């Protein structure tokens, strides 16, 4: 049996297996190798073709019989094809990065570009930026070298940069709360590209988007480099419309659906009506009750609202770090910016805009157990619900109608 797959040191975060399954009819393995295992693996040549990821994109080069012009210029290989015992190396990341920049509608011609990081993907980004006409390309590293500047120098001496490309793993799952640089330091910034694809939107991307800057994570790059890899693997052409369809499918299969709204607006009910294959429905209030071993009403009565909010933030952080979920949130989740940020990293927020007249005070909701409390909460929060929502879902006659509206709107936005 011909063997296809991806080699790397740690591949638990990889989406490559799913992507290749959509693009071609072969079994694709995720093969984790230690540094000591790389040599015998490549010497044995027991594979038809492989992708190569961190940290072996440069390690594999001495084992290859031929290296493509682009890969040689970059000095990194991420695709190796075995043809009759001879190994041929390519860099399909180059094509993926170029496709991502075009997908985002960015033009690098005459622009000043900062590339964060010094690894194989950094070399790819520099080659792409050069070929797309950038006027100045600076590599940013934690340590100053002849080839790179420091992050401090990037901020103080090059705040006029127009494009940022992050090729470091900073912000990658599970260290998703970190960020390599503050975009607010760059007043001329037009675009941010982040090679990290898990989470779907890093804090770097979210910060840029919040400032109206074009920004996107690395999933499109991952899919498009896989498209070119498949072409190398099989010696065939993959139609670009199929490539875009695969991207939309992968994104849709990963992105969480987050439901926000007032207590009693029907979030849990709407979530149950959303029958999405492979998705898990998670109710954050239920998760909180599991952790504390009591009802939320009892928790607030015993330890206070501040304790409850802290536990809610902990649950939101954990729940939103995973993909393929419909997340029904508590009514006050939007009160903390860190909650919203966590939900946005892997999800899209849909606000169920239930009319106040439809909401009812209930005894099991201690913060809205009277009509007066309910009205006060509504007036305090309605602006935040709108501000934090990606999509406002109009009040409809049935939960099924609202669920169908969300599903349709979601696919429209992904396309």
Protein backbone atom coordinates (compact mmCIF):
# COMPACT_ATOMS: atom_id res chain seq x y z
CA UNK A 1 0.00 0.00 0.00
CA UNK A 2 1.31 3.45 -0.88
CA UNK A 3 1.94 5.56 2.20
CA UNK A 4 1.06 9.26 2.38
CA UNK A 5 1.18 11.57 5.36
CA UNK A 6 2.81 14.38 7.28
CA UNK A 7 5.90 14.19 9.49
CA UNK A 8 6.56 16.56 12.36
CA UNK A 9 7.50 16.62 16.02
CA UNK A 10 4.01 17.36 17.35
CA UNK A 11 0.92 16.98 15.17
CA UNK A 12 -2.00 16.92 17.60
CA UNK A 13 -3.13 20.33 16.33
CA UNK A 14 -2.94 19.42 12.64
CA UNK A 15 -5.93 19.67 10.27
CA UNK A 16 -3.99 18.16 7.36
CA UNK A 17 -5.48 14.67 7.54
CA UNK A 18 -9.02 16.02 7.11
CA UNK A 19 -8.02 18.34 4.29
CA UNK A 20 -6.28 15.64 2.28
CA UNK A 21 -9.26 13.32 2.75
CA UNK A 22 -11.41 15.92 0.99
CA UNK A 23 -8.92 16.49 -1.82
CA UNK A 24 -7.78 12.98 -2.76
CA UNK A 25 -8.54 9.27 -2.41
CA UNK A 26 -5.69 7.95 -0.31
CA UNK A 27 -4.97 7.29 3.36
CA UNK A 28 -3.06 10.17 4.94
CA UNK A 29 -1.21 9.59 8.22
CA UNK A 30 0.02 12.02 10.87
CA UNK A 31 3.49 10.70 11.70
CA UNK A 32 5.12 12.19 14.80
CA UNK A 33 8.89 11.72 14.77
CA UNK A 34 11.61 12.62 17.23
CA UNK A 35 14.80 14.14 15.87
CA UNK A 36 16.47 10.74 16.21
CA UNK A 37 13.73 9.07 14.17
CA UNK A 38 13.86 11.42 11.17
CA UNK A 39 17.07 9.94 9.71
CA UNK A 40 15.97 6.28 9.60
CA UNK A 41 12.52 7.29 8.33
CA UNK A 42 13.97 9.18 5.35
CA UNK A 43 16.66 6.58 4.72
CA UNK A 44 14.08 3.80 4.55
CA UNK A 45 11.92 5.77 2.06
CA UNK A 46 8.85 3.77 3.00
CA UNK A 47 6.37 6.30 1.65
CA UNK A 48 4.92 7.52 -1.62
CA UNK A 49 4.82 11.18 -0.56
CA UNK A 50 4.85 13.20 2.64
CA UNK A 51 4.35 16.70 3.91
CA UNK A 52 6.91 18.06 6.36
CA UNK A 53 6.17 20.46 9.18
CA UNK A 54 7.86 22.01 12.23
CA UNK A 55 10.72 21.52 12.93
CA UNK A 56 11.94 19.39 10.00
CA UNK A 57 11.47 21.60 6.92
CA UNK A 58 15.21 22.19 6.71
CA UNK A 59 16.26 18.86 8.26
CA UNK A 60 14.97 16.84 5.30
CA UNK A 61 16.92 18.68 2.59
CA UNK A 62 20.20 16.66 2.76
CA UNK A 63 18.20 13.47 2.14
CA UNK A 64 16.69 14.69 -1.13
CA UNK A 65 17.86 13.85 -4.63
CA UNK A 66 16.27 16.96 -6.12
CA UNK A 67 14.95 20.24 -4.69
CA UNK A 68 12.67 22.61 -6.62
CA UNK A 69 13.90 26.11 -7.48
CA UNK A 70 11.46 27.74 -5.07
CA UNK A 71 12.34 25.37 -2.21
CA UNK A 72 16.06 25.86 -2.86
CA UNK A 73 15.68 29.63 -2.83
CA UNK A 74 13.69 29.52 0.41
CA UNK A 75 15.88 26.88 2.02
CA UNK A 76 12.91 24.89 3.33
CA UNK A 77 10.97 21.88 2.05
CA UNK A 78 7.46 20.92 3.17
CA UNK A 79 6.58 18.33 0.48
CA UNK A 80 8.60 15.26 -0.48
CA UNK A 81 7.63 12.89 -3.28
CA UNK A 82 9.20 9.44 -3.72
CA UNK A 83 9.57 8.61 -7.41
CA UNK A 84 11.17 5.21 -7.96
CA UNK A 85 13.33 5.55 -4.86
CA UNK A 86 14.45 9.10 -5.54
CA UNK A 87 13.18 11.88 -3.25
CA UNK A 88 12.00 15.18 -4.74
CA UNK A 89 11.47 18.20 -2.49
CA UNK A 90 9.07 21.12 -2.94
CA UNK A 91 7.82 24.09 -0.98
CA UNK A 92 4.05 24.28 -1.37
CA UNK A 93 3.82 26.68 1.59
CA UNK A 94 5.00 29.32 -0.88
CA UNK A 95 1.88 28.82 -3.01
CA UNK A 96 -0.34 28.68 0.09
CA UNK A 97 1.04 31.93 1.51
CA UNK A 98 0.69 33.68 -1.85
CA UNK A 99 -2.90 32.44 -2.18
CA UNK A 100 -3.76 33.64 1.33
CA UNK A 101 -2.47 37.14 0.67
CA UNK A 102 -4.47 37.31 -2.56
CA UNK A 103 -7.54 35.84 -0.83
CA UNK A 104 -7.41 38.66 1.70
CA UNK A 105 -7.19 41.24 -1.08
CA UNK A 106 -3.79 42.58 -0.04
CA UNK A 107 -1.25 44.08 -2.43
CA UNK A 108 2.39 44.01 -1.37
CA UNK A 109 3.78 45.96 -4.30
CA UNK A 110 5.87 48.85 -2.92
CA UNK A 111 4.93 48.00 0.71
CA UNK A 112 7.06 47.71 3.84
CA UNK A 113 6.68 44.22 5.29
CA UNK A 114 7.62 42.89 8.71
CA UNK A 115 8.01 39.10 8.93
CA UNK A 116 7.85 37.83 12.51
CA UNK A 117 10.02 34.77 13.09
CA UNK A 118 13.10 33.18 11.52
CA UNK A 119 12.10 29.57 10.75
CA UNK A 120 11.16 27.85 7.52
CA UNK A 121 7.81 29.62 7.18
CA UNK A 122 9.58 32.96 7.69
CA UNK A 123 11.82 32.21 4.73
CA UNK A 124 8.73 31.34 2.72
CA UNK A 125 7.05 34.61 3.66
CA UNK A 126 10.12 36.61 2.65
CA UNK A 127 10.27 34.90 -0.72
CA UNK A 128 6.57 35.53 -1.34
CA UNK A 129 6.85 39.18 -0.27
CA UNK A 130 9.83 39.63 -2.60
CA UNK A 131 8.01 38.09 -5.54
CA UNK A 132 4.90 40.17 -4.82
CA UNK A 133 6.94 43.38 -5.09
CA UNK A 134 7.45 44.49 -1.49
CA UNK A 135 9.84 47.45 -1.32
CA UNK A 136 11.32 46.54 2.07
CA UNK A 137 11.21 43.27 4.01
CA UNK A 138 12.46 43.04 7.57
CA UNK A 139 12.75 39.88 9.64
CA UNK A 140 11.86 40.30 13.31
CA UNK A 141 13.37 38.05 15.96
CA UNK A 142 13.77 37.93 19.73
CA UNK A 143 17.51 38.33 19.20
CA UNK A 144 19.22 40.81 16.90
CA UNK A 145 21.35 39.28 14.15
CA UNK A 146 22.80 40.40 10.85
CA UNK A 147 19.63 39.17 9.17
CA UNK A 148 17.02 40.29 11.71
CA UNK A 149 15.90 43.13 13.94
CA UNK A 150 14.40 42.84 17.42
CA UNK A 151 10.75 43.31 18.31
CA UNK A 152 11.71 46.51 20.13
CA UNK A 153 13.34 47.86 16.96
CA UNK A 154 10.30 46.88 14.92
CA UNK A 155 8.12 49.04 17.15
CA UNK A 156 10.46 52.00 17.61
CA UNK A 157 12.13 52.21 14.19
CA UNK A 158 9.61 50.60 11.82
CA UNK A 159 6.19 51.64 13.07
CA UNK A 160 5.42 52.72 9.48
CA UNK A 161 5.24 49.09 8.34
CA UNK A 162 2.19 48.37 6.19
CA UNK A 163 2.08 44.56 6.31
CA UNK A 164 2.72 42.14 9.20
CA UNK A 165 3.24 38.42 8.57
CA UNK A 166 3.49 36.22 11.66
CA UNK A 167 5.34 32.96 11.06
CA UNK A 168 6.00 32.16 14.73
CA UNK A 169 3.89 29.67 16.72
CA UNK A 170 2.94 32.40 19.20
CA UNK A 171 -0.82 32.29 19.68
CA UNK A 172 -1.11 28.66 18.56
CA UNK A 173 -3.22 26.15 20.51
CA UNK A 174 -2.86 25.50 23.43
CA UNK A 175 -1.03 28.78 24.15
CA UNK A 176 -3.76 30.72 22.39
CA UNK A 177 -3.84 33.71 24.76
CA UNK A 178 -0.36 34.94 23.75
CA UNK A 179 0.43 37.44 20.99
CA UNK A 180 3.76 38.14 19.21
CA UNK A 181 3.37 41.92 18.81
CA UNK A 182 0.87 44.74 19.42
CA UNK A 183 -0.70 45.93 16.17
CA UNK A 184 -1.57 49.30 17.73
CA UNK A 185 2.14 50.18 17.44
CA UNK A 186 1.79 50.41 13.65
CA UNK A 187 -0.24 53.34 12.39
CA UNK A 188 0.05 52.56 8.68
CA UNK A 189 -0.88 48.91 8.91
CA UNK A 190 -2.98 47.63 5.99
CA UNK A 191 -2.90 43.90 6.52
CA UNK A 192 -2.01 41.14 8.97
CA UNK A 193 -1.30 37.56 7.91
CA UNK A 194 -0.91 34.92 10.62
CA UNK A 195 0.34 31.47 9.59
CA UNK A 196 -1.26 30.00 12.76
CA UNK A 197 -4.52 28.23 11.90
CA UNK A 198 -5.48 26.75 15.27
CA UNK A 199 -7.24 28.73 16.67
CA UNK A 200 -8.97 29.99 13.55
CA UNK A 201 -8.42 33.58 14.69
CA UNK A 202 -5.46 34.38 16.91
CA UNK A 203 -5.45 37.39 19.21
CA UNK A 204 -3.21 39.08 16.64
CA UNK A 205 -5.86 38.63 13.95
CA UNK A 206 -8.69 39.68 16.28
CA UNK A 207 -6.86 42.84 17.33
CA UNK A 208 -6.22 43.79 13.71
CA UNK A 209 -9.83 43.17 12.71
CA UNK A 210 -11.05 45.27 15.65
CA UNK A 211 -9.06 48.18 14.19
CA UNK A 212 -10.53 47.68 10.71
CA UNK A 213 -7.34 46.14 9.33
CA UNK A 214 -7.57 43.24 6.87
CA UNK A 215 -6.43 40.16 8.75
CA UNK A 216 -6.70 36.38 8.53
CA UNK A 217 -5.24 33.25 10.07
CA UNK A 218 -3.48 30.44 8.26
CA UNK A 219 -6.28 28.01 7.42
CA UNK A 220 -6.65 29.20 3.82
CA UNK A 221 -2.88 28.93 3.42
CA UNK A 222 -2.98 25.40 4.85
CA UNK A 223 -5.67 24.30 2.41
CA UNK A 224 -4.07 25.91 -0.62
CA UNK A 225 -0.63 24.49 0.11
CA UNK A 226 -2.30 21.08 0.50
CA UNK A 227 -3.89 21.53 -2.92
CA UNK A 228 -0.47 22.02 -4.52
CA UNK A 229 0.94 19.14 -2.44
CA UNK A 230 -1.77 16.81 -3.78
CA UNK A 231 -0.87 17.90 -7.29
CA UNK A 232 2.76 16.97 -6.59
CA UNK A 233 1.79 13.71 -4.86
CA UNK A 234 -0.39 12.48 -7.72
CA UNK A 235 0.91 14.38 -10.75
CA UNK A 236 -2.51 15.87 -11.40
CA UNK A 237 -4.35 19.20 -11.31
CA UNK A 238 -6.85 20.15 -8.60
CA UNK A 239 -9.53 22.58 -9.86
CA UNK A 240 -9.42 25.85 -7.93
CA UNK A 241 -13.19 25.82 -7.38
CA UNK A 242 -12.76 22.46 -5.61
CA UNK A 243 -9.98 24.00 -3.52
CA UNK A 244 -12.26 26.84 -2.41
CA UNK A 245 -15.05 24.37 -1.65
CA UNK A 246 -12.71 22.34 0.52
CA UNK A 247 -11.64 25.47 2.40
CA UNK A 248 -15.27 26.40 3.07
CA UNK A 249 -16.02 22.86 4.26
CA UNK A 250 -13.03 22.74 6.58
CA UNK A 251 -13.77 26.15 8.02
CA UNK A 252 -17.43 25.27 8.51
CA UNK A 253 -16.47 21.99 10.16
CA UNK A 254 -14.19 23.76 12.64
CA UNK A 255 -15.83 27.09 13.45
CA UNK A 256 -17.93 27.14 16.60
CA UNK A 257 -21.43 28.58 16.59
CA UNK A 258 -21.76 30.79 19.67
CA UNK A 259 -25.23 31.79 20.89
CA UNK A 260 -25.58 34.86 23.09
CA UNK A 261 -28.66 36.61 24.41
CA UNK A 262 -30.75 37.48 27.41
CA UNK A 263 -31.81 34.83 29.93
CA UNK A 264 -34.87 33.14 28.48
CA UNK A 265 -34.15 34.15 24.87
CA UNK A 266 -34.05 30.50 23.82
CA UNK A 267 -30.32 29.88 23.34
CA UNK A 268 -30.39 26.27 24.56
CA UNK A 269 -33.53 25.48 22.58
CA UNK A 270 -32.15 27.00 19.38
CA UNK A 271 -28.89 25.11 19.92
CA UNK A 272 -30.76 21.81 20.13
CA UNK A 273 -32.51 22.62 16.85
CA UNK A 274 -29.20 23.08 15.03
CA UNK A 275 -28.46 19.61 13.76
CA UNK A 276 -24.91 19.96 12.46
CA UNK A 277 -23.05 16.71 11.75
CA UNK A 278 -20.03 16.21 13.98
CA UNK A 279 -20.91 19.12 16.26
CA UNK A 280 -21.35 18.95 20.02
CA UNK A 281 -23.84 21.16 21.85
CA UNK A 282 -22.30 22.71 24.96
CA UNK A 283 -24.32 24.76 27.47
CA UNK A 284 -21.88 26.84 29.53
CA UNK A 285 -24.32 27.24 32.43
CA UNK A 286 -24.61 23.44 32.65
CA UNK A 287 -20.81 23.15 32.54
CA UNK A 288 -20.54 25.62 35.42
CA UNK A 289 -23.01 23.60 37.48
CA UNK A 290 -21.04 20.41 36.79
CA UNK A 291 -17.85 22.03 38.07
CA UNK A 292 -19.30 23.55 41.22
CA UNK A 293 -21.65 20.64 41.98
CA UNK A 294 -24.66 22.88 42.57
CA UNK A 295 -27.08 25.13 40.70
CA UNK A 296 -26.03 28.59 39.61
CA UNK A 297 -28.65 30.02 41.94
CA UNK A 298 -27.08 28.16 44.86
CA UNK A 299 -23.56 29.13 43.76
CA UNK A 300 -24.37 32.85 43.66
CA UNK A 301 -26.25 32.67 46.97
CA UNK A 302 -23.29 30.99 48.66
CA UNK A 303 -20.25 32.63 47.04
CA UNK A 304 -21.55 35.71 45.22
CA UNK A 305 -21.75 36.87 41.63
CA UNK A 306 -18.02 37.72 41.36
CA UNK A 307 -17.08 34.11 42.10
CA UNK A 308 -19.66 32.90 39.59
CA UNK A 309 -18.27 35.23 36.88
CA UNK A 310 -14.72 34.00 37.49
CA UNK A 311 -15.83 30.38 37.13
CA UNK A 312 -17.82 31.29 34.02
CA UNK A 313 -14.68 32.80 32.44
CA UNK A 314 -12.75 29.62 33.22
CA UNK A 315 -15.45 27.51 31.56
CA UNK A 316 -15.65 29.80 28.53
CA UNK A 317 -11.87 29.61 28.09
CA UNK A 318 -11.88 25.82 28.13
CA UNK A 319 -15.01 25.27 26.06
CA UNK A 320 -14.08 27.74 23.32
CA UNK A 321 -10.57 26.33 22.86
CA UNK A 322 -12.05 23.30 21.09
CA UNK A 323 -13.63 23.25 17.62
CA UNK A 324 -16.86 21.93 16.13
CA UNK A 325 -19.17 23.10 18.89
CA UNK A 326 -22.47 24.89 19.26
CA UNK A 327 -21.98 26.92 22.42
CA UNK A 328 -25.02 28.20 24.32
CA UNK A 329 -23.77 30.86 26.71
CA UNK A 330 -25.10 32.42 29.88
CA UNK A 331 -26.82 35.78 29.61
CA UNK A 332 -23.94 37.73 31.17
CA UNK A 333 -21.07 36.21 29.22
CA UNK A 334 -20.64 39.41 27.19
CA UNK A 335 -19.88 41.43 30.33
CA UNK A 336 -16.23 40.38 30.23
CA UNK A 337 -14.11 41.22 27.18
CA UNK A 338 -11.89 38.18 27.81
CA UNK A 339 -14.96 35.93 27.42
CA UNK A 340 -15.86 37.49 24.09
CA UNK A 341 -12.27 37.26 22.87
CA UNK A 342 -12.08 33.57 23.82
CA UNK A 343 -15.34 32.82 22.00
CA UNK A 344 -14.24 34.72 18.89
CA UNK A 345 -10.98 32.82 18.47
CA UNK A 346 -12.71 29.69 17.19
CA UNK A 347 -16.28 30.90 16.79
CA UNK A 348 -18.78 33.29 15.32
CA UNK A 349 -21.17 35.00 17.73
CA UNK A 350 -24.90 34.99 16.97
CA UNK A 351 -27.03 37.20 19.22
CA UNK A 352 -30.63 36.04 19.65
CA UNK A 353 -32.37 39.40 19.70
CA UNK A 354 -35.52 38.35 21.58
CA UNK A 355 -38.02 41.13 22.23
CA UNK A 356 -38.21 42.21 25.85
CA UNK A 357 -41.94 41.48 25.87
CA UNK A 358 -41.17 37.79 25.20
CA UNK A 359 -38.73 37.39 28.09
CA UNK A 360 -39.95 36.10 31.43
CA UNK A 361 -38.49 36.39 34.93
CA UNK A 362 -37.96 32.95 36.49
CA UNK A 363 -36.98 31.88 39.98
CA UNK A 364 -34.00 29.78 38.83
CA UNK A 365 -32.25 32.88 37.42
CA UNK A 366 -31.26 34.89 40.51
CA UNK A 367 -30.13 37.94 38.53
CA UNK A 368 -33.44 38.18 36.69
CA UNK A 369 -35.96 36.54 39.02
CA UNK A 370 -38.27 39.55 39.01
CA UNK A 371 -39.68 41.63 36.18
CA UNK A 372 -37.85 44.72 37.44
CA UNK A 373 -34.51 42.92 37.52
CA UNK A 374 -35.14 41.53 34.04
CA UNK A 375 -35.89 44.96 32.56
CA UNK A 376 -32.82 46.44 34.25
CA UNK A 377 -30.59 43.66 32.88
CA UNK A 378 -32.02 44.09 29.40
CA UNK A 379 -31.34 47.82 29.38
CA UNK A 380 -27.82 47.33 30.75
CA UNK A 381 -26.83 44.61 28.30
CA UNK A 382 -28.64 45.20 25.01
CA UNK A 383 -25.90 47.49 23.69
CA UNK A 384 -23.20 44.95 24.55
CA UNK A 385 -25.09 42.14 22.85
CA UNK A 386 -25.20 44.13 19.62
CA UNK A 387 -21.58 45.30 19.92
CA UNK A 388 -20.13 41.83 20.46
CA UNK A 389 -22.26 39.98 17.89
CA UNK A 390 -21.06 38.97 14.45
CA UNK A 391 -24.68 38.39 13.47
CA UNK A 392 -27.88 39.67 15.08
CA UNK A 393 -30.61 37.04 14.78
CA UNK A 394 -34.08 38.63 14.55
CA UNK A 395 -36.82 37.46 16.89
CA UNK A 396 -38.74 34.77 15.00
CA UNK A 397 -41.83 32.73 15.70
CA UNK A 398 -40.03 29.45 16.38
CA UNK A 399 -36.64 28.22 17.58
CA UNK A 400 -36.40 26.13 14.41
CA UNK A 401 -36.71 29.25 12.27
CA UNK A 402 -33.93 30.96 14.21
CA UNK A 403 -31.72 27.87 13.94
CA UNK A 404 -32.22 27.72 10.17
CA UNK A 405 -31.48 31.45 9.88
CA UNK A 406 -28.19 30.97 11.75
CA UNK A 407 -27.10 28.00 9.65
CA UNK A 408 -27.84 29.80 6.39
CA UNK A 409 -26.16 33.02 7.50
CA UNK A 410 -23.13 31.10 8.69
CA UNK A 411 -22.47 29.46 5.33
CA UNK A 412 -23.06 32.73 3.54
CA UNK A 413 -20.37 34.41 5.64
CA UNK A 414 -17.87 31.57 5.17
CA UNK A 415 -18.18 31.75 1.40
